Amino acid sequence: MKDNFNLTGFLKGNKLLNENIGGYVDIKPVNEEMGTAMEDLKKPSKVYTDDWVRSAIESKLGSWTFDYDYMSGVYMWTHDDIDPEDLVVYATPGFDGEEGIAGEVNLGFGDRVVDQEVFGDASYPDFESYAAAVKPYLDKVEDKYNDGEYAEDIESTYKRGVSLKREEIGTAMEEDDTEDFGTTDDRIMGLGGDRLLAAAQFLIDDGFELEDLMDFLRNKLA
């Protein structure tokens, strides 16, 4: 999507936004201008996806299971014997322009990121070659977990969550109310607009037409 495309202005101009009902979208037939404004979705995807990824979901590598986040395009690994709320490994080739696999370990609901490392290549022709490249990294993570090297970080995230008192929550909410959230476009992107675009691009890459997506949204939100 172009940076200067104003979604709110477009919706108002085409009578798709009714501010008298709390700013929610009042869906009416979408005209051709919407399709023109969203042509950027047909540009090369920014989601970091190799062709084999969808068929490789739930593939095993020892005790590790491969998965894929459709919204962010991130490749992830969970362990059979480790609660994913404690530890998830992200290892995505070419992520954010990296010239290899961008590996990181997320501990305690992703509250703490450790062991960030770039290794291997930025793309792989199949799951087997990717798995072979990522295996040493996963082995290292598993060994460190078994040795207790992540235990303190994982435990501290839970303690912080439990110890947060009611008055602290109230203070945090008051601070949020005074925060400058930027333009409407910025807020939309910050609240998931980037993921919406990534999901739409993924569907288009999979063979759906832009008109199919617009019909789907119109039918679901009407």
Protein backbone atom coordinates (compact mmCIF):
# COMPACT_ATOMS: atom_id res chain seq x y z
CA MET A 1 0.00 0.00 0.00
CA LYS A 2 1.29 3.47 -0.83
CA ASP A 3 2.36 5.49 2.19
CA ASN A 4 0.14 8.41 1.22
CA PHE A 5 -3.06 6.40 0.75
CA ASN A 6 -5.59 7.68 3.31
CA LEU A 7 -7.96 4.81 4.09
CA THR A 8 -10.26 6.94 6.26
CA GLY A 9 -10.53 9.61 3.61
CA PHE A 10 -11.26 7.02 0.95
CA LEU A 11 -13.99 5.40 3.01
CA LYS A 12 -15.61 8.77 3.77
CA GLY A 13 -15.42 9.87 0.15
CA ASN A 14 -17.16 6.72 -1.02
CA LYS A 15 -19.69 6.74 1.80
CA LEU A 16 -18.26 3.60 3.33
CA LEU A 17 -17.62 5.19 6.73
CA ASN A 18 -20.51 6.32 8.86
CA GLU A 19 -19.17 8.41 11.74
CA ASN A 20 -22.62 8.57 13.33
CA ILE A 21 -22.31 4.94 14.41
CA GLY A 22 -19.12 5.33 16.37
CA GLY A 23 -16.71 5.37 13.47
CA TYR A 24 -17.38 1.79 12.42
CA VAL A 25 -17.44 0.84 8.77
CA ASP A 26 -20.88 0.78 7.14
CA ILE A 27 -20.19 -1.48 4.17
CA LYS A 28 -21.79 -0.55 0.83
CA PRO A 29 -20.90 -1.83 -2.64
CA VAL A 30 -17.20 -1.26 -3.26
CA ASN A 31 -16.49 0.70 -6.45
CA GLU A 32 -13.64 0.33 -8.87
CA GLU A 33 -11.50 2.95 -7.10
CA MET A 34 -10.88 0.54 -4.21
CA GLY A 35 -9.37 -1.94 -6.61
CA THR A 36 -7.15 0.76 -8.10
CA ALA A 37 -6.00 1.94 -4.67
CA MET A 38 -5.03 -1.61 -3.68
CA GLU A 39 -3.07 -2.47 -6.82
CA ASP A 40 0.08 -2.33 -4.68
CA LEU A 41 -0.97 -5.68 -3.25
CA LYS A 42 -0.02 -7.23 -6.58
CA LYS A 43 3.59 -6.14 -6.21
CA PRO A 44 6.17 -8.72 -5.03
CA SER A 45 5.33 -9.94 -1.55
CA LYS A 46 7.22 -8.71 1.48
CA VAL A 47 6.26 -11.90 3.31
CA TYR A 48 9.28 -14.15 3.59
CA THR A 49 7.89 -17.31 2.01
CA ASP A 50 9.57 -20.06 -0.01
CA ASP A 51 7.36 -22.14 -2.30
CA TRP A 52 7.58 -25.27 -0.15
CA VAL A 53 6.51 -23.70 3.14
CA ARG A 54 2.78 -24.46 3.17
CA SER A 55 3.29 -28.13 2.44
CA ALA A 56 5.96 -28.35 5.15
CA ILE A 57 3.75 -27.14 8.02
CA GLU A 58 3.80 -29.66 10.94
CA SER A 59 6.87 -31.38 9.49
CA LYS A 60 9.12 -32.90 12.15
CA LEU A 61 12.82 -32.49 12.82
CA GLY A 62 13.54 -34.67 15.79
CA SER A 63 11.37 -33.34 18.62
CA TRP A 64 10.83 -30.02 16.83
CA THR A 65 7.74 -29.21 14.73
CA PHE A 66 7.77 -26.65 11.93
CA ASP A 67 5.04 -24.04 11.60
CA TYR A 68 4.40 -20.86 9.67
CA ASP A 69 2.77 -17.57 10.73
CA TYR A 70 0.57 -16.55 7.81
CA MET A 71 0.26 -12.98 9.05
CA SER A 72 3.94 -12.12 9.51
CA GLY A 73 5.50 -14.70 7.18
CA VAL A 74 7.72 -15.98 9.99
CA TYR A 75 8.98 -19.58 10.15
CA MET A 76 8.69 -21.00 13.66
CA TRP A 77 9.58 -24.13 15.60
CA THR A 78 8.04 -25.60 18.74
CA HIS A 79 9.36 -28.51 20.79
CA ASP A 80 7.31 -31.55 21.82
CA ASP A 81 8.53 -31.36 25.42
CA ILE A 82 8.59 -27.57 25.86
CA ASP A 83 5.49 -25.47 26.43
CA PRO A 84 5.27 -22.99 23.53
CA GLU A 85 4.31 -20.35 26.10
CA ASP A 86 7.79 -20.87 27.52
CA LEU A 87 9.84 -21.08 24.34
CA VAL A 88 9.33 -20.67 20.60
CA VAL A 89 12.11 -20.49 18.03
CA TYR A 90 11.81 -18.25 14.98
CA ALA A 91 14.15 -19.05 12.09
CA THR A 92 13.18 -17.31 8.86
CA PRO A 93 15.39 -17.20 5.76
CA GLY A 94 15.84 -13.70 4.39
CA PHE A 95 13.74 -12.06 7.08
CA ASP A 96 13.85 -8.25 6.96
CA GLY A 97 16.59 -8.30 4.31
CA GLU A 98 18.96 -10.58 6.20
CA GLU A 99 21.37 -12.56 4.02
CA GLY A 100 20.66 -15.78 5.88
CA ILE A 101 18.28 -17.38 8.37
CA ALA A 102 17.26 -14.88 11.05
CA GLY A 103 17.13 -17.00 14.20
CA GLU A 104 15.87 -15.93 17.60
CA VAL A 105 14.52 -17.57 20.73
CA ASN A 106 11.36 -16.13 22.29
CA LEU A 107 10.92 -16.88 25.99
CA GLY A 108 7.88 -16.47 28.23
CA PHE A 109 5.15 -15.35 25.82
CA GLY A 110 7.82 -13.63 23.73
CA ASP A 111 8.57 -11.24 26.61
CA ARG A 112 12.30 -11.83 26.21
CA VAL A 113 14.22 -12.49 23.00
CA VAL A 114 17.63 -14.17 23.26
CA ASP A 115 20.20 -15.93 21.09
CA GLN A 116 19.57 -13.87 17.98
CA GLU A 117 21.78 -15.15 15.20
CA VAL A 118 21.97 -15.04 11.40
CA PHE A 119 23.23 -18.17 9.70
CA GLY A 120 22.85 -20.19 6.51
CA ASP A 121 21.30 -18.81 3.32
CA ALA A 122 18.49 -16.35 2.57
CA SER A 123 16.43 -18.93 0.66
CA TYR A 124 16.14 -22.70 0.32
CA PRO A 125 14.71 -24.86 -2.49
CA ASP A 126 12.98 -27.33 -0.17
CA PHE A 127 12.22 -28.15 3.45
CA GLU A 128 14.98 -30.76 3.67
CA SER A 129 17.77 -28.32 2.87
CA TYR A 130 16.29 -25.68 5.16
CA ALA A 131 15.90 -28.20 8.00
CA ALA A 132 19.51 -29.31 7.62
CA ALA A 133 20.66 -25.69 7.92
CA VAL A 134 18.53 -24.89 10.95
CA LYS A 135 19.16 -28.14 12.86
CA PRO A 136 22.42 -27.04 14.58
CA TYR A 137 20.69 -23.91 15.84
CA LEU A 138 17.73 -25.90 17.19
CA ASP A 139 20.10 -28.41 18.81
CA LYS A 140 21.90 -25.58 20.57
CA VAL A 141 18.62 -24.10 21.82
CA GLU A 142 17.43 -27.49 23.08
CA ASP A 143 20.70 -28.09 24.93
CA LYS A 144 20.58 -24.69 26.59
CA TYR A 145 16.97 -25.25 27.65
CA ASN A 146 17.78 -28.67 29.10
CA ASP A 147 20.77 -27.19 30.94
CA GLY A 148 18.48 -24.62 32.55
CA GLU A 149 20.08 -21.60 30.88
CA TYR A 150 16.67 -20.14 29.96
CA ALA A 151 14.87 -21.00 33.21
CA GLU A 152 15.45 -17.70 35.00
CA ASP A 153 14.29 -15.61 32.04
CA ILE A 154 11.17 -17.72 31.57
CA GLU A 155 10.31 -17.63 35.26
CA SER A 156 10.83 -13.89 35.54
CA THR A 157 8.27 -13.17 32.82
CA TYR A 158 5.58 -15.10 34.70
CA LYS A 159 6.46 -13.40 37.99
CA ARG A 160 6.18 -9.97 36.40
CA GLY A 161 2.77 -10.85 34.99
CA VAL A 162 1.44 -12.15 38.32
CA SER A 163 2.87 -9.29 40.41
CA LEU A 164 1.34 -6.50 38.32
CA LYS A 165 -1.11 -4.88 40.74
CA ARG A 166 -4.50 -3.39 39.91
CA GLU A 167 -3.29 0.18 40.52
CA GLU A 168 -0.28 -0.40 38.26
CA ILE A 169 -2.62 -1.49 35.48
CA GLY A 170 -4.71 1.65 35.99
CA THR A 171 -1.61 3.84 35.78
CA ALA A 172 -0.48 2.10 32.62
CA MET A 173 -3.90 2.66 31.02
CA GLU A 174 -3.84 6.36 31.93
CA GLU A 175 -0.42 6.69 30.32
CA ASP A 176 -1.73 5.00 27.18
CA ASP A 177 -4.60 7.54 27.00
CA THR A 178 -2.10 10.40 26.73
CA GLU A 179 0.06 8.73 24.09
CA ASP A 180 0.26 10.25 20.63
CA PHE A 181 -0.76 7.47 18.28
CA GLY A 182 0.02 9.39 15.08
CA THR A 183 -2.10 9.49 11.93
CA THR A 184 -5.03 7.21 11.16
CA ASP A 185 -2.91 5.28 8.69
CA ASP A 186 -0.23 4.81 11.35
CA ARG A 187 -2.80 3.52 13.83
CA ILE A 188 -4.28 1.11 11.30
CA MET A 189 -0.84 -0.26 10.50
CA GLY A 190 0.02 -0.44 14.20
CA LEU A 191 -3.20 -2.30 15.02
CA GLY A 192 -2.73 -4.99 12.41
CA GLY A 193 -2.98 -3.29 9.03
CA ASP A 194 0.44 -4.62 8.07
CA ARG A 195 -0.73 -8.14 8.84
CA LEU A 196 -3.91 -7.59 6.82
CA LEU A 197 -1.80 -6.56 3.84
CA ALA A 198 0.53 -9.52 4.31
CA ALA A 199 -2.42 -11.93 4.48
CA ALA A 200 -3.99 -10.39 1.38
CA GLN A 201 -0.71 -10.64 -0.51
CA PHE A 202 -0.34 -14.27 0.53
CA LEU A 203 -3.82 -15.08 -0.81
CA ILE A 204 -3.11 -13.27 -4.08
CA ASP A 205 0.16 -15.18 -4.44
CA ASP A 206 -1.86 -18.37 -3.90
CA GLY A 207 -4.04 -17.60 -6.92
CA PHE A 208 -6.96 -15.56 -5.56
CA GLU A 209 -7.99 -12.43 -7.42
CA LEU A 210 -8.17 -9.08 -5.69
CA GLU A 211 -11.88 -8.98 -6.51
CA ASP A 212 -12.34 -12.27 -4.61
CA LEU A 213 -10.84 -10.72 -1.50
CA MET A 214 -13.01 -7.61 -1.76
CA ASP A 215 -16.14 -9.75 -2.20
CA PHE A 216 -15.14 -11.80 0.83
CA LEU A 217 -14.64 -8.72 3.01
CA ARG A 218 -17.86 -7.10 1.81
CA ASN A 219 -19.89 -10.25 2.52
CA LYS A 220 -18.33 -10.83 5.94
CA LEU A 221 -18.58 -7.23 7.15
CA ALA A 222 -21.98 -6.39 5.68
